[in-house]
Amino acid sequence: HGPVSSSDVGKDEKRGSGGWWDWHPSKTALEYLWRSGALCVVGR
């Protein structure tokens, strides 16, 4: 489906207050895949 933001993934997952300590699993997966090289950030 092309580029996504954290709001586009894990829609059925429990979400918290939005702080870094309360990321939902798919948001954490996005960040990990970016930091380790599988993904790139293409803009904001």
All heavy atoms as atom14 arrays in JSON, in Angstrom:
{
  "sequence": "HGPVSSSDVGKDEKRGSGGWWDWHPSKTALEYLWRSGALCVVGR",
  "atom14_mask": [
    [1, 1, 1, 1, 1, 1, 1, 1, 1, 1, 0, 0, 0, 0],
    [1, 1, 1, 1, 0, 0, 0, 0, 0, 0, 0, 0, 0, 0],
    [1, 1, 1, 1, 1, 1, 1, 0, 0, 0, 0, 0, 0, 0],
    [1, 1, 1, 1, 1, 1, 1, 0, 0, 0, 0, 0, 0, 0],
    [1, 1, 1, 1, 1, 1, 0, 0, 0, 0, 0, 0, 0, 0],
    [1, 1, 1, 1, 1, 1, 0, 0, 0, 0, 0, 0, 0, 0],
    [1, 1, 1, 1, 1, 1, 0, 0, 0, 0, 0, 0, 0, 0],
    [1, 1, 1, 1, 1, 1, 1, 1, 0, 0, 0, 0, 0, 0],
    [1, 1, 1, 1, 1, 1, 1, 0, 0, 0, 0, 0, 0, 0],
    [1, 1, 1, 1, 0, 0, 0, 0, 0, 0, 0, 0, 0, 0],
    [1, 1, 1, 1, 1, 1, 1, 1, 1, 0, 0, 0, 0, 0],
    [1, 1, 1, 1, 1, 1, 1, 1, 0, 0, 0, 0, 0, 0],
    [1, 1, 1, 1, 1, 1, 1, 1, 1, 0, 0, 0, 0, 0],
    [1, 1, 1, 1, 1, 1, 1, 1, 1, 0, 0, 0, 0, 0],
    [1, 1, 1, 1, 1, 1, 1, 1, 1, 1, 1, 0, 0, 0],
    [1, 1, 1, 1, 0, 0, 0, 0, 0, 0, 0, 0, 0, 0],
    [1, 1, 1, 1, 1, 1, 0, 0, 0, 0, 0, 0, 0, 0],
    [1, 1, 1, 1, 0, 0, 0, 0, 0, 0, 0, 0, 0, 0],
    [1, 1, 1, 1, 0, 0, 0, 0, 0, 0, 0, 0, 0, 0],
    [1, 1, 1, 1, 1, 1, 1, 1, 1, 1, 1, 1, 1, 1],
    [1, 1, 1, 1, 1, 1, 1, 1, 1, 1, 1, 1, 1, 1],
    [1, 1, 1, 1, 1, 1, 1, 1, 0, 0, 0, 0, 0, 0],
    [1, 1, 1, 1, 1, 1, 1, 1, 1, 1, 1, 1, 1, 1],
    [1, 1, 1, 1, 1, 1, 1, 1, 1, 1, 0, 0, 0, 0],
    [1, 1, 1, 1, 1, 1, 1, 0, 0, 0, 0, 0, 0, 0],
    [1, 1, 1, 1, 1, 1, 0, 0, 0, 0, 0, 0, 0, 0],
    [1, 1, 1, 1, 1, 1, 1, 1, 1, 0, 0, 0, 0, 0],
    [1, 1, 1, 1, 1, 1, 1, 0, 0, 0, 0, 0, 0, 0],
    [1, 1, 1, 1, 1, 0, 0, 0, 0, 0, 0, 0, 0, 0],
    [1, 1, 1, 1, 1, 1, 1, 1, 0, 0, 0, 0, 0, 0],
    [1, 1, 1, 1, 1, 1, 1, 1, 1, 0, 0, 0, 0, 0],
    [1, 1, 1, 1, 1, 1, 1, 1, 1, 1, 1, 1, 0, 0],
    [1, 1, 1, 1, 1, 1, 1, 1, 0, 0, 0, 0, 0, 0],
    [1, 1, 1, 1, 1, 1, 1, 1, 1, 1, 1, 1, 1, 1],
    [1, 1, 1, 1, 1, 1, 1, 1, 1, 1, 1, 0, 0, 0],
    [1, 1, 1, 1, 1, 1, 0, 0, 0, 0, 0, 0, 0, 0],
    [1, 1, 1, 1, 0, 0, 0, 0, 0, 0, 0, 0, 0, 0],
    [1, 1, 1, 1, 1, 0, 0, 0, 0, 0, 0, 0, 0, 0],
    [1, 1, 1, 1, 1, 1, 1, 1, 0, 0, 0, 0, 0, 0],
    [1, 1, 1, 1, 1, 1, 0, 0, 0, 0, 0, 0, 0, 0],
    [1, 1, 1, 1, 1, 1, 1, 0, 0, 0, 0, 0, 0, 0],
    [1, 1, 1, 1, 1, 1, 1, 0, 0, 0, 0, 0, 0, 0],
    [1, 1, 1, 1, 0, 0, 0, 0, 0, 0, 0, 0, 0, 0],
    [1, 1, 1, 1, 1, 1, 1, 1, 1, 1, 1, 0, 0, 0]
  ],
  "atom14_positions": [
    [[0.79, -1.23, 0.0], [0.0, 0.0, 0.0], [0.82, 1.28, 0.0], [0.26, 2.37, -0.05], [-0.95, -0.01, 1.2], [-1.89, -1.17, 1.23], [-2.92, -1.32, 0.33], [-1.91, -2.27, 2.03], [-3.57, -2.44, 0.58], [-2.98, -3.05, 1.61], [0.0, 0.0, 0.0], [0.0, 0.0, 0.0], [0.0, 0.0, 0.0], [0.0, 0.0, 0.0]],
    [[2.13, 1.17, 0.07], [2.96, 2.37, 0.03], [3.3, 2.9, 1.4], [3.01, 2.26, 2.43], [0.0, 0.0, 0.0], [0.0, 0.0, 0.0], [0.0, 0.0, 0.0], [0.0, 0.0, 0.0], [0.0, 0.0, 0.0], [0.0, 0.0, 0.0], [0.0, 0.0, 0.0], [0.0, 0.0, 0.0], [0.0, 0.0, 0.0], [0.0, 0.0, 0.0]],
    [[3.9, 4.09, 1.45], [4.38, 4.65, 2.72], [3.28, 4.78, 3.77], [2.11, 5.04, 3.44], [4.91, 6.03, 2.31], [5.25, 5.89, 0.86], [4.22, 4.95, 0.3], [0.0, 0.0, 0.0], [0.0, 0.0, 0.0], [0.0, 0.0, 0.0], [0.0, 0.0, 0.0], [0.0, 0.0, 0.0], [0.0, 0.0, 0.0], [0.0, 0.0, 0.0]],
    [[3.67, 4.6, 5.04], [2.72, 4.7, 6.15], [3.3, 5.56, 7.25], [4.52, 5.78, 7.32], [2.39, 3.3, 6.73], [1.8, 2.38, 5.68], [3.63, 2.67, 7.38], [0.0, 0.0, 0.0], [0.0, 0.0, 0.0], [0.0, 0.0, 0.0], [0.0, 0.0, 0.0], [0.0, 0.0, 0.0], [0.0, 0.0, 0.0], [0.0, 0.0, 0.0]],
    [[2.43, 6.04, 8.1], [2.83, 6.66, 9.37], [2.38, 5.74, 10.49], [1.69, 4.74, 10.25], [2.2, 8.04, 9.52], [0.79, 7.92, 9.6], [0.0, 0.0, 0.0], [0.0, 0.0, 0.0], [0.0, 0.0, 0.0], [0.0, 0.0, 0.0], [0.0, 0.0, 0.0], [0.0, 0.0, 0.0], [0.0, 0.0, 0.0], [0.0, 0.0, 0.0]],
    [[2.73, 6.06, 11.7], [2.38, 5.19, 12.83], [0.87, 5.07, 13.0], [0.38, 4.05, 13.51], [3.03, 5.69, 14.11], [2.59, 7.0, 14.41], [0.0, 0.0, 0.0], [0.0, 0.0, 0.0], [0.0, 0.0, 0.0], [0.0, 0.0, 0.0], [0.0, 0.0, 0.0], [0.0, 0.0, 0.0], [0.0, 0.0, 0.0], [0.0, 0.0, 0.0]],
    [[0.13, 6.08, 12.57], [-1.34, 6.03, 12.7], [-1.98, 5.09, 11.7], [-3.16, 4.75, 11.83], [-1.92, 7.43, 12.55], [-1.62, 7.96, 11.28], [0.0, 0.0, 0.0], [0.0, 0.0, 0.0], [0.0, 0.0, 0.0], [0.0, 0.0, 0.0], [0.0, 0.0, 0.0], [0.0, 0.0, 0.0], [0.0, 0.0, 0.0], [0.0, 0.0, 0.0]],
    [[-1.22, 4.64, 10.69], [-1.76, 3.76, 9.66], [-1.59, 2.28, 9.98], [-2.13, 1.43, 9.28], [-1.07, 4.03, 8.31], [-1.29, 5.44, 7.8], [-2.43, 5.94, 7.94], [-0.33, 6.05, 7.29], [0.0, 0.0, 0.0], [0.0, 0.0, 0.0], [0.0, 0.0, 0.0], [0.0, 0.0, 0.0], [0.0, 0.0, 0.0], [0.0, 0.0, 0.0]],
    [[-0.82, 1.97, 11.01], [-0.53, 0.57, 11.32], [-1.07, 0.21, 12.7], [-1.29, 1.08, 13.54], [0.99, 0.28, 11.28], [1.54, 0.52, 9.88], [1.75, 1.12, 12.3], [0.0, 0.0, 0.0], [0.0, 0.0, 0.0], [0.0, 0.0, 0.0], [0.0, 0.0, 0.0], [0.0, 0.0, 0.0], [0.0, 0.0, 0.0], [0.0, 0.0, 0.0]],
    [[-1.32, -1.07, 12.91], [-1.76, -1.54, 14.21], [-3.07, -0.93, 14.67], [-3.24, -0.62, 15.85], [0.0, 0.0, 0.0], [0.0, 0.0, 0.0], [0.0, 0.0, 0.0], [0.0, 0.0, 0.0], [0.0, 0.0, 0.0], [0.0, 0.0, 0.0], [0.0, 0.0, 0.0], [0.0, 0.0, 0.0], [0.0, 0.0, 0.0], [0.0, 0.0, 0.0]],
    [[-4.01, -0.79, 13.75], [-5.26, -0.09, 14.09], [-6.08, -0.82, 15.15], [-6.88, -0.21, 15.83], [-6.09, 0.12, 12.82], [-5.48, 1.12, 11.84], [-6.37, 1.36, 10.65], [-5.75, 2.34, 9.66], [-5.66, 3.71, 10.22], [0.0, 0.0, 0.0], [0.0, 0.0, 0.0], [0.0, 0.0, 0.0], [0.0, 0.0, 0.0], [0.0, 0.0, 0.0]],
    [[-5.87, -2.12, 15.28], [-6.62, -2.88, 16.27], [-5.85, -3.07, 17.57], [-6.29, -3.79, 18.47], [-7.02, -4.24, 15.7], [-5.81, -5.07, 15.27], [-4.72, -4.48, 15.14], [-5.96, -6.29, 15.07], [0.0, 0.0, 0.0], [0.0, 0.0, 0.0], [0.0, 0.0, 0.0], [0.0, 0.0, 0.0], [0.0, 0.0, 0.0], [0.0, 0.0, 0.0]],
    [[-4.7, -2.4, 17.68], [-3.87, -2.54, 18.87], [-4.2, -1.47, 19.9], [-4.58, -0.34, 19.55], [-2.39, -2.46, 18.5], [-1.93, -3.6, 17.61], [-0.55, -3.39, 17.03], [0.11, -2.39, 17.4], [-0.11, -4.21, 16.22], [0.0, 0.0, 0.0], [0.0, 0.0, 0.0], [0.0, 0.0, 0.0], [0.0, 0.0, 0.0], [0.0, 0.0, 0.0]],
    [[-4.02, -1.82, 21.16], [-4.27, -0.86, 22.23], [-3.28, 0.28, 22.16], [-2.09, 0.09, 21.99], [-4.16, -1.55, 23.59], [-4.45, -0.63, 24.77], [-4.33, -1.38, 26.09], [-4.59, -0.44, 27.27], [-4.46, -1.13, 28.58], [0.0, 0.0, 0.0], [0.0, 0.0, 0.0], [0.0, 0.0, 0.0], [0.0, 0.0, 0.0], [0.0, 0.0, 0.0]],
    [[-3.79, 1.5, 22.26], [-2.95, 2.68, 22.21], [-3.01, 3.42, 23.53], [-4.06, 3.5, 24.16], [-3.38, 3.61, 21.06], [-3.18, 2.94, 19.72], [-3.87, 3.65, 18.57], [-3.77, 2.85, 17.36], [-2.99, 3.13, 16.33], [-2.23, 4.21, 16.33], [-2.96, 2.34, 15.28], [0.0, 0.0, 0.0], [0.0, 0.0, 0.0], [0.0, 0.0, 0.0]],
    [[-1.89, 3.99, 23.91], [-1.82, 4.7, 25.17], [-1.84, 6.2, 24.97], [-2.49, 6.73, 24.07], [0.0, 0.0, 0.0], [0.0, 0.0, 0.0], [0.0, 0.0, 0.0], [0.0, 0.0, 0.0], [0.0, 0.0, 0.0], [0.0, 0.0, 0.0], [0.0, 0.0, 0.0], [0.0, 0.0, 0.0], [0.0, 0.0, 0.0], [0.0, 0.0, 0.0]],
    [[-1.07, 6.9, 25.8], [-1.09, 8.36, 25.82], [-0.28, 8.99, 24.7], [-0.32, 10.2, 24.5], [-0.57, 8.87, 27.17], [0.78, 8.43, 27.34], [0.0, 0.0, 0.0], [0.0, 0.0, 0.0], [0.0, 0.0, 0.0], [0.0, 0.0, 0.0], [0.0, 0.0, 0.0], [0.0, 0.0, 0.0], [0.0, 0.0, 0.0], [0.0, 0.0, 0.0]],
    [[0.51, 8.18, 23.99], [1.3, 8.73, 22.9], [2.75, 8.96, 23.23], [3.53, 9.3, 22.35], [0.0, 0.0, 0.0], [0.0, 0.0, 0.0], [0.0, 0.0, 0.0], [0.0, 0.0, 0.0], [0.0, 0.0, 0.0], [0.0, 0.0, 0.0], [0.0, 0.0, 0.0], [0.0, 0.0, 0.0], [0.0, 0.0, 0.0], [0.0, 0.0, 0.0]],
    [[3.16, 8.8, 24.48], [4.56, 8.97, 24.84], [5.4, 7.82, 24.31], [4.88, 6.74, 23.99], [0.0, 0.0, 0.0], [0.0, 0.0, 0.0], [0.0, 0.0, 0.0], [0.0, 0.0, 0.0], [0.0, 0.0, 0.0], [0.0, 0.0, 0.0], [0.0, 0.0, 0.0], [0.0, 0.0, 0.0], [0.0, 0.0, 0.0], [0.0, 0.0, 0.0]],
    [[6.71, 8.05, 24.23], [7.59, 7.0, 23.69], [7.51, 5.72, 24.49], [7.74, 4.63, 23.97], [9.02, 7.5, 23.61], [9.67, 7.77, 24.93], [9.73, 8.96, 25.58], [10.32, 6.82, 25.78], [10.39, 8.81, 26.78], [10.77, 7.51, 26.92], [10.58, 5.45, 25.68], [11.44, 6.89, 27.96], [11.27, 4.82, 26.72], [11.68, 5.55, 27.84]],
    [[7.17, 5.83, 25.77], [7.13, 4.67, 26.64], [5.84, 3.86, 26.44], [5.68, 2.81, 27.01], [7.2, 5.12, 28.1], [6.08, 6.07, 28.45], [4.85, 5.74, 28.92], [6.1, 7.48, 28.32], [4.09, 6.86, 29.09], [4.83, 7.95, 28.73], [7.05, 8.41, 27.89], [4.5, 9.3, 28.72], [6.72, 9.75, 27.89], [5.46, 10.19, 28.3]],
    [[4.93, 4.36, 25.63], [3.63, 3.71, 25.48], [3.28, 3.49, 24.02], [2.13, 3.56, 23.64], [2.54, 4.56, 26.18], [1.39, 3.68, 26.66], [1.5, 2.45, 26.56], [0.38, 4.25, 27.11], [0.0, 0.0, 0.0], [0.0, 0.0, 0.0], [0.0, 0.0, 0.0], [0.0, 0.0, 0.0], [0.0, 0.0, 0.0], [0.0, 0.0, 0.0]],
    [[4.29, 3.26, 23.19], [4.04, 2.95, 21.78], [3.29, 1.62, 21.67], [3.57, 0.67, 22.39], [5.35, 2.82, 21.02], [6.1, 4.1, 20.82], [5.69, 5.36, 21.11], [7.42, 4.21, 20.29], [6.68, 6.26, 20.79], [7.75, 5.58, 20.29], [8.36, 3.29, 19.84], [8.97, 6.05, 19.83], [9.58, 3.75, 19.37], [9.88, 5.12, 19.38]],
    [[2.37, 1.53, 20.7], [1.74, 0.24, 20.42], [2.73, -0.61, 19.62], [3.71, -0.1, 19.05], [0.41, 0.43, 19.69], [0.49, 1.19, 18.41], [0.82, 0.59, 17.21], [0.26, 2.49, 18.12], [0.79, 1.48, 16.24], [0.46, 2.65, 16.77], [0.0, 0.0, 0.0], [0.0, 0.0, 0.0], [0.0, 0.0, 0.0], [0.0, 0.0, 0.0]],
    [[2.55, -1.94, 19.58], [3.56, -2.82, 18.98], [3.93, -2.47, 17.54], [5.12, -2.53, 17.17], [2.92, -4.2, 19.08], [2.04, -4.11, 20.28], [1.49, -2.72, 20.25], [0.0, 0.0, 0.0], [0.0, 0.0, 0.0], [0.0, 0.0, 0.0], [0.0, 0.0, 0.0], [0.0, 0.0, 0.0], [0.0, 0.0, 0.0], [0.0, 0.0, 0.0]],
    [[2.96, -2.11, 16.71], [3.28, -1.82, 15.31], [4.05, -0.51, 15.16], [4.88, -0.38, 14.26], [2.0, -1.78, 14.47], [1.44, -3.08, 14.37], [0.0, 0.0, 0.0], [0.0, 0.0, 0.0], [0.0, 0.0, 0.0], [0.0, 0.0, 0.0], [0.0, 0.0, 0.0], [0.0, 0.0, 0.0], [0.0, 0.0, 0.0], [0.0, 0.0, 0.0]],
    [[3.78, 0.46, 16.03], [4.58, 1.69, 16.03], [6.02, 1.37, 16.4], [6.98, 1.86, 15.77], [3.98, 2.69, 17.03], [4.92, 3.81, 17.5], [5.3, 4.76, 16.4], [6.1, 5.93, 16.96], [6.62, 6.82, 15.9], [0.0, 0.0, 0.0], [0.0, 0.0, 0.0], [0.0, 0.0, 0.0], [0.0, 0.0, 0.0], [0.0, 0.0, 0.0]],
    [[6.2, 0.53, 17.4], [7.54, 0.13, 17.8], [8.24, -0.64, 16.68], [9.43, -0.45, 16.43], [7.48, -0.74, 19.07], [6.72, -0.05, 20.07], [8.87, -1.03, 19.61], [0.0, 0.0, 0.0], [0.0, 0.0, 0.0], [0.0, 0.0, 0.0], [0.0, 0.0, 0.0], [0.0, 0.0, 0.0], [0.0, 0.0, 0.0], [0.0, 0.0, 0.0]],
    [[7.48, -1.49, 15.99], [8.05, -2.23, 14.86], [8.52, -1.28, 13.77], [9.6, -1.46, 13.19], [7.01, -3.2, 14.31], [0.0, 0.0, 0.0], [0.0, 0.0, 0.0], [0.0, 0.0, 0.0], [0.0, 0.0, 0.0], [0.0, 0.0, 0.0], [0.0, 0.0, 0.0], [0.0, 0.0, 0.0], [0.0, 0.0, 0.0], [0.0, 0.0, 0.0]],
    [[7.72, -0.26, 13.46], [8.13, 0.75, 12.47], [9.45, 1.39, 12.85], [10.36, 1.52, 12.02], [7.06, 1.84, 12.35], [5.88, 1.64, 11.41], [4.93, 2.82, 11.54], [6.33, 1.48, 9.97], [0.0, 0.0, 0.0], [0.0, 0.0, 0.0], [0.0, 0.0, 0.0], [0.0, 0.0, 0.0], [0.0, 0.0, 0.0], [0.0, 0.0, 0.0]],
    [[9.55, 1.84, 14.08], [10.76, 2.52, 14.53], [11.97, 1.58, 14.48], [13.07, 1.98, 14.06], [10.57, 3.05, 15.95], [9.67, 4.27, 16.03], [10.34, 5.52, 15.47], [11.44, 5.88, 15.92], [9.75, 6.12, 14.56], [0.0, 0.0, 0.0], [0.0, 0.0, 0.0], [0.0, 0.0, 0.0], [0.0, 0.0, 0.0], [0.0, 0.0, 0.0]],
    [[11.76, 0.35, 14.89], [12.87, -0.61, 14.87], [13.32, -0.9, 13.44], [14.53, -0.92, 13.14], [12.45, -1.92, 15.55], [13.53, -2.97, 15.49], [14.55, -2.99, 16.44], [13.57, -3.91, 14.46], [15.57, -3.93, 16.38], [14.58, -4.85, 14.39], [15.58, -4.85, 15.36], [16.59, -5.78, 15.27], [0.0, 0.0, 0.0], [0.0, 0.0, 0.0]],
    [[12.38, -1.12, 12.53], [12.72, -1.42, 11.15], [13.4, -0.23, 10.48], [14.26, -0.41, 9.59], [11.46, -1.83, 10.38], [10.87, -3.18, 10.8], [9.48, -3.37, 10.21], [11.78, -4.33, 10.39], [0.0, 0.0, 0.0], [0.0, 0.0, 0.0], [0.0, 0.0, 0.0], [0.0, 0.0, 0.0], [0.0, 0.0, 0.0], [0.0, 0.0, 0.0]],
    [[13.05, 0.99, 10.91], [13.74, 2.18, 10.4], [15.15, 2.27, 10.96], [16.12, 2.41, 10.21], [12.93, 3.43, 10.76], [13.69, 4.7, 10.62], [14.38, 5.14, 9.53], [13.85, 5.72, 11.63], [14.96, 6.37, 9.79], [14.64, 6.75, 11.06], [13.38, 5.87, 12.93], [14.99, 7.9, 11.78], [13.71, 7.02, 13.63], [14.51, 8.01, 13.05]],
    [[15.27, 2.14, 12.26], [16.58, 2.29, 12.88], [17.55, 1.21, 12.42], [18.77, 1.44, 12.36], [16.44, 2.25, 14.42], [15.65, 3.43, 15.02], [16.49, 4.67, 15.15], [17.56, 4.5, 16.1], [17.47, 4.73, 17.41], [16.32, 5.13, 17.93], [18.51, 4.57, 18.21], [0.0, 0.0, 0.0], [0.0, 0.0, 0.0], [0.0, 0.0, 0.0]],
    [[17.06, 0.03, 12.1], [17.93, -1.08, 11.69], [18.12, -1.18, 10.18], [18.91, -2.0, 9.72], [17.39, -2.4, 12.24], [16.07, -2.64, 11.78], [0.0, 0.0, 0.0], [0.0, 0.0, 0.0], [0.0, 0.0, 0.0], [0.0, 0.0, 0.0], [0.0, 0.0, 0.0], [0.0, 0.0, 0.0], [0.0, 0.0, 0.0], [0.0, 0.0, 0.0]],
    [[17.39, -0.35, 9.4], [17.7, -0.23, 7.98], [16.71, -0.79, 6.99], [16.84, -0.54, 5.79], [0.0, 0.0, 0.0], [0.0, 0.0, 0.0], [0.0, 0.0, 0.0], [0.0, 0.0, 0.0], [0.0, 0.0, 0.0], [0.0, 0.0, 0.0], [0.0, 0.0, 0.0], [0.0, 0.0, 0.0], [0.0, 0.0, 0.0], [0.0, 0.0, 0.0]],
    [[15.7, -1.54, 7.41], [14.73, -2.09, 6.46], [13.82, -1.01, 5.89], [13.33, -1.13, 4.76], [13.9, -3.18, 7.13], [0.0, 0.0, 0.0], [0.0, 0.0, 0.0], [0.0, 0.0, 0.0], [0.0, 0.0, 0.0], [0.0, 0.0, 0.0], [0.0, 0.0, 0.0], [0.0, 0.0, 0.0], [0.0, 0.0, 0.0], [0.0, 0.0, 0.0]],
    [[13.59, 0.03, 6.67], [12.73, 1.14, 6.24], [13.53, 2.44, 6.22], [14.54, 2.58, 6.9], [11.53, 1.3, 7.19], [10.58, 0.13, 7.33], [9.47, 0.48, 8.32], [9.99, -0.28, 5.99], [0.0, 0.0, 0.0], [0.0, 0.0, 0.0], [0.0, 0.0, 0.0], [0.0, 0.0, 0.0], [0.0, 0.0, 0.0], [0.0, 0.0, 0.0]],
    [[13.03, 3.39, 5.45], [13.53, 4.76, 5.45], [12.38, 5.69, 5.78], [11.22, 5.42, 5.42], [14.08, 5.15, 4.07], [15.82, 4.81, 3.83], [0.0, 0.0, 0.0], [0.0, 0.0, 0.0], [0.0, 0.0, 0.0], [0.0, 0.0, 0.0], [0.0, 0.0, 0.0], [0.0, 0.0, 0.0], [0.0, 0.0, 0.0], [0.0, 0.0, 0.0]],
    [[12.68, 6.78, 6.44], [11.7, 7.85, 6.59], [11.76, 8.7, 5.33], [12.83, 9.15, 4.92], [12.0, 8.71, 7.84], [11.03, 9.88, 7.93], [11.9, 7.86, 9.1], [0.0, 0.0, 0.0], [0.0, 0.0, 0.0], [0.0, 0.0, 0.0], [0.0, 0.0, 0.0], [0.0, 0.0, 0.0], [0.0, 0.0, 0.0], [0.0, 0.0, 0.0]],
    [[10.61, 8.91, 4.7], [10.57, 9.63, 3.42], [10.01, 11.04, 3.57], [9.88, 11.76, 2.59], [9.77, 8.85, 2.37], [10.51, 7.58, 1.99], [8.35, 8.52, 2.85], [0.0, 0.0, 0.0], [0.0, 0.0, 0.0], [0.0, 0.0, 0.0], [0.0, 0.0, 0.0], [0.0, 0.0, 0.0], [0.0, 0.0, 0.0], [0.0, 0.0, 0.0]],
    [[9.71, 11.43, 4.78], [9.2, 12.78, 5.02], [8.34, 12.8, 6.26], [8.16, 11.78, 6.94], [0.0, 0.0, 0.0], [0.0, 0.0, 0.0], [0.0, 0.0, 0.0], [0.0, 0.0, 0.0], [0.0, 0.0, 0.0], [0.0, 0.0, 0.0], [0.0, 0.0, 0.0], [0.0, 0.0, 0.0], [0.0, 0.0, 0.0], [0.0, 0.0, 0.0]],
    [[7.82, 13.97, 6.54], [6.96, 14.14, 7.71], [5.73, 14.95, 7.34], [5.81, 15.88, 6.54], [7.72, 14.84, 8.85], [8.81, 13.97, 9.48], [9.54, 14.72, 10.56], [10.57, 13.92, 11.22], [10.52, 13.51, 12.49], [9.47, 13.83, 13.22], [11.5, 12.81, 13.01], [0.0, 0.0, 0.0], [0.0, 0.0, 0.0], [0.0, 0.0, 0.0]]
  ]
}
